[in-house]
All heavy atoms as atom14 arrays in JSON, in Angstrom:
{
  "sequence": "HLRFHFDFSMDQILAYLLMSASSSAATRVDDWMSN",
  "atom14_mask": [
    [1, 1, 1, 1, 1, 1, 1, 1, 1, 1, 0, 0, 0, 0],
    [1, 1, 1, 1, 1, 1, 1, 1, 0, 0, 0, 0, 0, 0],
    [1, 1, 1, 1, 1, 1, 1, 1, 1, 1, 1, 0, 0, 0],
    [1, 1, 1, 1, 1, 1, 1, 1, 1, 1, 1, 0, 0, 0],
    [1, 1, 1, 1, 1, 1, 1, 1, 1, 1, 0, 0, 0, 0],
    [1, 1, 1, 1, 1, 1, 1, 1, 1, 1, 1, 0, 0, 0],
    [1, 1, 1, 1, 1, 1, 1, 1, 0, 0, 0, 0, 0, 0],
    [1, 1, 1, 1, 1, 1, 1, 1, 1, 1, 1, 0, 0, 0],
    [1, 1, 1, 1, 1, 1, 0, 0, 0, 0, 0, 0, 0, 0],
    [1, 1, 1, 1, 1, 1, 1, 1, 0, 0, 0, 0, 0, 0],
    [1, 1, 1, 1, 1, 1, 1, 1, 0, 0, 0, 0, 0, 0],
    [1, 1, 1, 1, 1, 1, 1, 1, 1, 0, 0, 0, 0, 0],
    [1, 1, 1, 1, 1, 1, 1, 1, 0, 0, 0, 0, 0, 0],
    [1, 1, 1, 1, 1, 1, 1, 1, 0, 0, 0, 0, 0, 0],
    [1, 1, 1, 1, 1, 0, 0, 0, 0, 0, 0, 0, 0, 0],
    [1, 1, 1, 1, 1, 1, 1, 1, 1, 1, 1, 1, 0, 0],
    [1, 1, 1, 1, 1, 1, 1, 1, 0, 0, 0, 0, 0, 0],
    [1, 1, 1, 1, 1, 1, 1, 1, 0, 0, 0, 0, 0, 0],
    [1, 1, 1, 1, 1, 1, 1, 1, 0, 0, 0, 0, 0, 0],
    [1, 1, 1, 1, 1, 1, 0, 0, 0, 0, 0, 0, 0, 0],
    [1, 1, 1, 1, 1, 0, 0, 0, 0, 0, 0, 0, 0, 0],
    [1, 1, 1, 1, 1, 1, 0, 0, 0, 0, 0, 0, 0, 0],
    [1, 1, 1, 1, 1, 1, 0, 0, 0, 0, 0, 0, 0, 0],
    [1, 1, 1, 1, 1, 1, 0, 0, 0, 0, 0, 0, 0, 0],
    [1, 1, 1, 1, 1, 0, 0, 0, 0, 0, 0, 0, 0, 0],
    [1, 1, 1, 1, 1, 0, 0, 0, 0, 0, 0, 0, 0, 0],
    [1, 1, 1, 1, 1, 1, 1, 0, 0, 0, 0, 0, 0, 0],
    [1, 1, 1, 1, 1, 1, 1, 1, 1, 1, 1, 0, 0, 0],
    [1, 1, 1, 1, 1, 1, 1, 0, 0, 0, 0, 0, 0, 0],
    [1, 1, 1, 1, 1, 1, 1, 1, 0, 0, 0, 0, 0, 0],
    [1, 1, 1, 1, 1, 1, 1, 1, 0, 0, 0, 0, 0, 0],
    [1, 1, 1, 1, 1, 1, 1, 1, 1, 1, 1, 1, 1, 1],
    [1, 1, 1, 1, 1, 1, 1, 1, 0, 0, 0, 0, 0, 0],
    [1, 1, 1, 1, 1, 1, 0, 0, 0, 0, 0, 0, 0, 0],
    [1, 1, 1, 1, 1, 1, 1, 1, 0, 0, 0, 0, 0, 0]
  ],
  "atom14_positions": [
    [[-8.34, -17.34, 28.31], [-7.03, -17.42, 28.96], [-5.86, -17.17, 28.0], [-4.76, -16.9, 28.44], [-6.88, -18.78, 29.67], [-6.79, -19.94, 28.74], [-7.9, -20.48, 28.13], [-5.72, -20.65, 28.32], [-7.51, -21.49, 27.36], [-6.2, -21.61, 27.47], [0.0, 0.0, 0.0], [0.0, 0.0, 0.0], [0.0, 0.0, 0.0], [0.0, 0.0, 0.0]],
    [[-6.1, -17.22, 26.7], [-5.05, -16.94, 25.72], [-5.15, -15.52, 25.14], [-4.52, -15.22, 24.14], [-5.1, -17.96, 24.59], [-4.75, -19.39, 24.97], [-4.93, -20.31, 23.78], [-3.34, -19.47, 25.5], [0.0, 0.0, 0.0], [0.0, 0.0, 0.0], [0.0, 0.0, 0.0], [0.0, 0.0, 0.0], [0.0, 0.0, 0.0], [0.0, 0.0, 0.0]],
    [[-5.93, -14.67, 25.77], [-6.16, -13.32, 25.26], [-4.86, -12.54, 25.09], [-4.63, -11.91, 24.07], [-7.09, -12.58, 26.21], [-7.26, -11.14, 25.87], [-8.13, -10.42, 26.88], [-8.22, -9.02, 26.53], [-8.93, -8.54, 25.53], [-9.62, -9.35, 24.77], [-8.94, -7.26, 25.28], [0.0, 0.0, 0.0], [0.0, 0.0, 0.0], [0.0, 0.0, 0.0]],
    [[-4.01, -12.57, 26.1], [-2.78, -11.78, 26.04], [-1.81, -12.34, 25.0], [-1.09, -11.58, 24.35], [-2.12, -11.72, 27.42], [-3.0, -11.04, 28.43], [-3.55, -11.75, 29.48], [-3.3, -9.7, 28.33], [-4.36, -11.14, 30.41], [-4.11, -9.06, 29.24], [-4.65, -9.79, 30.29], [0.0, 0.0, 0.0], [0.0, 0.0, 0.0], [0.0, 0.0, 0.0]],
    [[-1.8, -13.65, 24.8], [-1.0, -14.25, 23.74], [-1.5, -13.8, 22.37], [-0.72, -13.49, 21.48], [-1.03, -15.78, 23.83], [-0.35, -16.32, 25.03], [-1.01, -16.5, 26.23], [0.92, -16.71, 25.24], [-0.16, -16.99, 27.12], [1.03, -17.12, 26.54], [0.0, 0.0, 0.0], [0.0, 0.0, 0.0], [0.0, 0.0, 0.0], [0.0, 0.0, 0.0]],
    [[-2.82, -13.8, 22.21], [-3.42, -13.38, 20.93], [-3.1, -11.91, 20.65], [-2.7, -11.57, 19.53], [-4.94, -13.6, 20.96], [-5.63, -13.12, 19.72], [-5.56, -13.85, 18.56], [-6.34, -11.92, 19.73], [-6.19, -13.41, 17.41], [-6.97, -11.47, 18.59], [-6.9, -12.21, 17.43], [0.0, 0.0, 0.0], [0.0, 0.0, 0.0], [0.0, 0.0, 0.0]],
    [[-3.29, -11.04, 21.64], [-3.02, -9.62, 21.44], [-1.56, -9.38, 21.05], [-1.27, -8.64, 20.1], [-3.33, -8.82, 22.71], [-4.82, -8.69, 22.97], [-5.6, -8.93, 22.04], [-5.17, -8.33, 24.11], [0.0, 0.0, 0.0], [0.0, 0.0, 0.0], [0.0, 0.0, 0.0], [0.0, 0.0, 0.0], [0.0, 0.0, 0.0], [0.0, 0.0, 0.0]],
    [[-0.64, -10.02, 21.77], [0.77, -9.84, 21.49], [1.14, -10.35, 20.1], [1.82, -9.67, 19.33], [1.62, -10.54, 22.54], [3.09, -10.41, 22.31], [3.72, -9.18, 22.44], [3.85, -11.51, 21.95], [5.07, -9.05, 22.23], [5.21, -11.39, 21.73], [5.82, -10.15, 21.86], [0.0, 0.0, 0.0], [0.0, 0.0, 0.0], [0.0, 0.0, 0.0]],
    [[0.66, -11.54, 19.75], [1.02, -12.1, 18.45], [0.39, -11.3, 17.31], [1.05, -11.07, 16.29], [0.62, -13.58, 18.37], [-0.76, -13.73, 18.53], [0.0, 0.0, 0.0], [0.0, 0.0, 0.0], [0.0, 0.0, 0.0], [0.0, 0.0, 0.0], [0.0, 0.0, 0.0], [0.0, 0.0, 0.0], [0.0, 0.0, 0.0], [0.0, 0.0, 0.0]],
    [[-0.85, -10.84, 17.46], [-1.46, -10.03, 16.39], [-0.75, -8.69, 16.23], [-0.54, -8.23, 15.09], [-2.94, -9.8, 16.68], [-3.81, -11.01, 16.42], [-3.74, -11.58, 14.72], [-4.52, -10.22, 13.87], [0.0, 0.0, 0.0], [0.0, 0.0, 0.0], [0.0, 0.0, 0.0], [0.0, 0.0, 0.0], [0.0, 0.0, 0.0], [0.0, 0.0, 0.0]],
    [[-0.36, -8.07, 17.34], [0.39, -6.82, 17.23], [1.72, -7.03, 16.51], [2.12, -6.23, 15.67], [0.63, -6.21, 18.62], [-0.63, -5.65, 19.23], [-1.61, -5.42, 18.5], [-0.64, -5.45, 20.46], [0.0, 0.0, 0.0], [0.0, 0.0, 0.0], [0.0, 0.0, 0.0], [0.0, 0.0, 0.0], [0.0, 0.0, 0.0], [0.0, 0.0, 0.0]],
    [[2.4, -8.11, 16.84], [3.68, -8.42, 16.19], [3.49, -8.7, 14.7], [4.24, -8.17, 13.86], [4.31, -9.65, 16.84], [4.85, -9.42, 18.22], [6.16, -8.68, 18.17], [7.04, -9.02, 17.4], [6.28, -7.66, 18.99], [0.0, 0.0, 0.0], [0.0, 0.0, 0.0], [0.0, 0.0, 0.0], [0.0, 0.0, 0.0], [0.0, 0.0, 0.0]],
    [[2.5, -9.51, 14.38], [2.26, -9.88, 12.97], [1.87, -8.66, 12.15], [2.41, -8.43, 11.05], [1.18, -10.98, 12.88], [1.73, -12.29, 13.42], [0.67, -11.14, 11.46], [0.67, -13.36, 13.66], [0.0, 0.0, 0.0], [0.0, 0.0, 0.0], [0.0, 0.0, 0.0], [0.0, 0.0, 0.0], [0.0, 0.0, 0.0], [0.0, 0.0, 0.0]],
    [[0.95, -7.86, 12.66], [0.5, -6.69, 11.9], [1.6, -5.65, 11.77], [1.72, -5.0, 10.72], [-0.75, -6.1, 12.54], [-2.0, -6.96, 12.38], [-3.16, -6.36, 13.16], [-2.36, -7.13, 10.93], [0.0, 0.0, 0.0], [0.0, 0.0, 0.0], [0.0, 0.0, 0.0], [0.0, 0.0, 0.0], [0.0, 0.0, 0.0], [0.0, 0.0, 0.0]],
    [[2.42, -5.47, 12.8], [3.53, -4.53, 12.69], [4.5, -4.98, 11.6], [4.95, -4.17, 10.78], [4.24, -4.39, 14.03], [0.0, 0.0, 0.0], [0.0, 0.0, 0.0], [0.0, 0.0, 0.0], [0.0, 0.0, 0.0], [0.0, 0.0, 0.0], [0.0, 0.0, 0.0], [0.0, 0.0, 0.0], [0.0, 0.0, 0.0], [0.0, 0.0, 0.0]],
    [[4.82, -6.27, 11.58], [5.74, -6.78, 10.56], [5.13, -6.63, 9.16], [5.81, -6.19, 8.23], [6.07, -8.25, 10.83], [6.83, -8.88, 9.71], [8.18, -8.61, 9.54], [6.21, -9.71, 8.79], [8.88, -9.16, 8.48], [6.9, -10.26, 7.74], [8.24, -9.98, 7.59], [8.93, -10.51, 6.53], [0.0, 0.0, 0.0], [0.0, 0.0, 0.0]],
    [[3.87, -7.0, 9.01], [3.24, -6.91, 7.69], [3.11, -5.47, 7.21], [3.29, -5.2, 6.02], [1.88, -7.6, 7.7], [1.92, -9.13, 7.81], [0.52, -9.69, 7.94], [2.63, -9.74, 6.62], [0.0, 0.0, 0.0], [0.0, 0.0, 0.0], [0.0, 0.0, 0.0], [0.0, 0.0, 0.0], [0.0, 0.0, 0.0], [0.0, 0.0, 0.0]],
    [[2.8, -4.56, 8.11], [2.75, -3.15, 7.71], [4.11, -2.64, 7.26], [4.21, -1.93, 6.26], [2.25, -2.3, 8.87], [0.76, -2.05, 8.93], [0.39, -1.35, 10.23], [0.29, -1.24, 7.76], [0.0, 0.0, 0.0], [0.0, 0.0, 0.0], [0.0, 0.0, 0.0], [0.0, 0.0, 0.0], [0.0, 0.0, 0.0], [0.0, 0.0, 0.0]],
    [[5.16, -2.99, 7.99], [6.5, -2.56, 7.6], [6.9, -3.16, 6.26], [7.46, -2.48, 5.39], [7.52, -2.93, 8.68], [8.92, -2.48, 8.37], [9.06, -0.74, 8.0], [9.05, -0.06, 9.61], [0.0, 0.0, 0.0], [0.0, 0.0, 0.0], [0.0, 0.0, 0.0], [0.0, 0.0, 0.0], [0.0, 0.0, 0.0], [0.0, 0.0, 0.0]],
    [[6.58, -4.42, 6.07], [6.92, -5.09, 4.82], [6.17, -4.48, 3.64], [6.76, -4.21, 2.59], [6.6, -6.58, 4.94], [6.85, -7.25, 3.74], [0.0, 0.0, 0.0], [0.0, 0.0, 0.0], [0.0, 0.0, 0.0], [0.0, 0.0, 0.0], [0.0, 0.0, 0.0], [0.0, 0.0, 0.0], [0.0, 0.0, 0.0], [0.0, 0.0, 0.0]],
    [[4.88, -4.24, 3.81], [4.09, -3.66, 2.73], [4.54, -2.23, 2.42], [4.62, -1.84, 1.25], [2.61, -3.68, 3.11], [0.0, 0.0, 0.0], [0.0, 0.0, 0.0], [0.0, 0.0, 0.0], [0.0, 0.0, 0.0], [0.0, 0.0, 0.0], [0.0, 0.0, 0.0], [0.0, 0.0, 0.0], [0.0, 0.0, 0.0], [0.0, 0.0, 0.0]],
    [[4.84, -1.48, 3.45], [5.27, -0.09, 3.25], [6.62, -0.01, 2.54], [6.81, 0.8, 1.64], [5.37, 0.64, 4.58], [4.13, 0.66, 5.21], [0.0, 0.0, 0.0], [0.0, 0.0, 0.0], [0.0, 0.0, 0.0], [0.0, 0.0, 0.0], [0.0, 0.0, 0.0], [0.0, 0.0, 0.0], [0.0, 0.0, 0.0], [0.0, 0.0, 0.0]],
    [[7.54, -0.87, 2.92], [8.86, -0.81, 2.3], [8.8, -1.28, 0.84], [9.48, -0.7, -0.01], [9.86, -1.65, 3.08], [9.47, -2.99, 3.13], [0.0, 0.0, 0.0], [0.0, 0.0, 0.0], [0.0, 0.0, 0.0], [0.0, 0.0, 0.0], [0.0, 0.0, 0.0], [0.0, 0.0, 0.0], [0.0, 0.0, 0.0], [0.0, 0.0, 0.0]],
    [[7.99, -2.28, 0.54], [7.9, -2.69, -0.86], [7.15, -1.66, -1.69], [7.48, -1.44, -2.86], [7.26, -4.07, -0.99], [5.98, -4.09, -0.47], [0.0, 0.0, 0.0], [0.0, 0.0, 0.0], [0.0, 0.0, 0.0], [0.0, 0.0, 0.0], [0.0, 0.0, 0.0], [0.0, 0.0, 0.0], [0.0, 0.0, 0.0], [0.0, 0.0, 0.0]],
    [[6.16, -0.98, -1.11], [5.47, 0.08, -1.84], [6.4, 1.26, -2.07], [6.34, 1.91, -3.13], [4.24, 0.52, -1.06], [0.0, 0.0, 0.0], [0.0, 0.0, 0.0], [0.0, 0.0, 0.0], [0.0, 0.0, 0.0], [0.0, 0.0, 0.0], [0.0, 0.0, 0.0], [0.0, 0.0, 0.0], [0.0, 0.0, 0.0], [0.0, 0.0, 0.0]],
    [[7.27, 1.54, -1.12], [8.2, 2.66, -1.28], [9.15, 2.42, -2.45], [9.46, 3.35, -3.21], [8.99, 2.87, 0.01], [0.0, 0.0, 0.0], [0.0, 0.0, 0.0], [0.0, 0.0, 0.0], [0.0, 0.0, 0.0], [0.0, 0.0, 0.0], [0.0, 0.0, 0.0], [0.0, 0.0, 0.0], [0.0, 0.0, 0.0], [0.0, 0.0, 0.0]],
    [[9.6, 1.19, -2.63], [10.5, 0.91, -3.76], [9.76, 1.03, -5.09], [10.34, 1.47, -6.07], [11.13, -0.48, -3.64], [10.11, -1.47, -3.59], [12.0, -0.58, -2.4], [0.0, 0.0, 0.0], [0.0, 0.0, 0.0], [0.0, 0.0, 0.0], [0.0, 0.0, 0.0], [0.0, 0.0, 0.0], [0.0, 0.0, 0.0], [0.0, 0.0, 0.0]],
    [[8.48, 0.66, -5.11], [7.71, 0.77, -6.35], [7.46, 2.23, -6.71], [7.5, 2.6, -7.88], [6.37, 0.02, -6.23], [6.5, -1.46, -6.03], [7.31, -2.18, -7.09], [6.77, -1.95, -8.4], [7.46, -2.09, -9.52], [8.72, -2.45, -9.49], [6.89, -1.88, -10.69], [0.0, 0.0, 0.0], [0.0, 0.0, 0.0], [0.0, 0.0, 0.0]],
    [[7.18, 3.05, -5.72], [6.95, 4.47, -5.99], [8.24, 5.12, -6.48], [8.22, 5.92, -7.42], [6.4, 5.19, -4.74], [6.43, 6.7, -4.9], [4.98, 4.72, -4.46], [0.0, 0.0, 0.0], [0.0, 0.0, 0.0], [0.0, 0.0, 0.0], [0.0, 0.0, 0.0], [0.0, 0.0, 0.0], [0.0, 0.0, 0.0], [0.0, 0.0, 0.0]],
    [[9.35, 4.75, -5.9], [10.64, 5.28, -6.35], [10.91, 4.86, -7.8], [11.36, 5.67, -8.61], [11.76, 4.78, -5.43], [13.09, 5.4, -5.78], [13.14, 6.65, -5.92], [14.07, 4.65, -5.93], [0.0, 0.0, 0.0], [0.0, 0.0, 0.0], [0.0, 0.0, 0.0], [0.0, 0.0, 0.0], [0.0, 0.0, 0.0], [0.0, 0.0, 0.0]],
    [[10.6, 3.62, -8.12], [10.76, 3.13, -9.49], [9.82, 3.89, -10.44], [10.22, 4.25, -11.55], [10.47, 1.62, -9.54], [10.76, 1.02, -10.89], [11.79, 1.37, -11.5], [9.93, 0.19, -11.36], [0.0, 0.0, 0.0], [0.0, 0.0, 0.0], [0.0, 0.0, 0.0], [0.0, 0.0, 0.0], [0.0, 0.0, 0.0], [0.0, 0.0, 0.0]],
    [[8.59, 4.12, -10.03], [7.62, 4.85, -10.84], [8.12, 6.27, -11.12], [8.04, 6.74, -12.26], [6.29, 4.89, -10.1], [5.18, 5.58, -10.84], [4.99, 6.92, -10.94], [4.14, 4.97, -11.59], [3.88, 7.2, -11.68], [3.33, 6.02, -12.11], [3.78, 3.66, -11.87], [2.21, 5.78, -12.88], [2.66, 3.43, -12.64], [1.89, 4.47, -13.13]],
    [[8.65, 6.93, -10.08], [9.13, 8.31, -10.26], [10.35, 8.37, -11.17], [10.5, 9.3, -11.95], [9.44, 8.96, -8.91], [8.21, 9.32, -8.13], [8.43, 10.37, -6.69], [9.81, 9.67, -5.84], [0.0, 0.0, 0.0], [0.0, 0.0, 0.0], [0.0, 0.0, 0.0], [0.0, 0.0, 0.0], [0.0, 0.0, 0.0], [0.0, 0.0, 0.0]],
    [[11.23, 7.36, -11.09], [12.41, 7.39, -11.95], [12.06, 7.11, -13.4], [12.73, 7.6, -14.3], [13.45, 6.39, -11.45], [12.98, 5.07, -11.58], [0.0, 0.0, 0.0], [0.0, 0.0, 0.0], [0.0, 0.0, 0.0], [0.0, 0.0, 0.0], [0.0, 0.0, 0.0], [0.0, 0.0, 0.0], [0.0, 0.0, 0.0], [0.0, 0.0, 0.0]],
    [[10.99, 6.35, -13.65], [10.6, 6.03, -15.02], [9.7, 7.09, -15.64], [9.87, 7.44, -16.81], [9.89, 4.68, -15.08], [10.84, 3.53, -14.87], [12.04, 3.64, -15.11], [10.32, 2.42, -14.38], [0.0, 0.0, 0.0], [0.0, 0.0, 0.0], [0.0, 0.0, 0.0], [0.0, 0.0, 0.0], [0.0, 0.0, 0.0], [0.0, 0.0, 0.0]]
  ]
}
């Protein structure tokens, strides 16, 4: 009965974590290229 809650929360969590990981990796690559 909590299937739809689980799907929604996992989609939200994974979307946030992917965006966070990608943005922090982007700053590191930019730093690597400048150095």
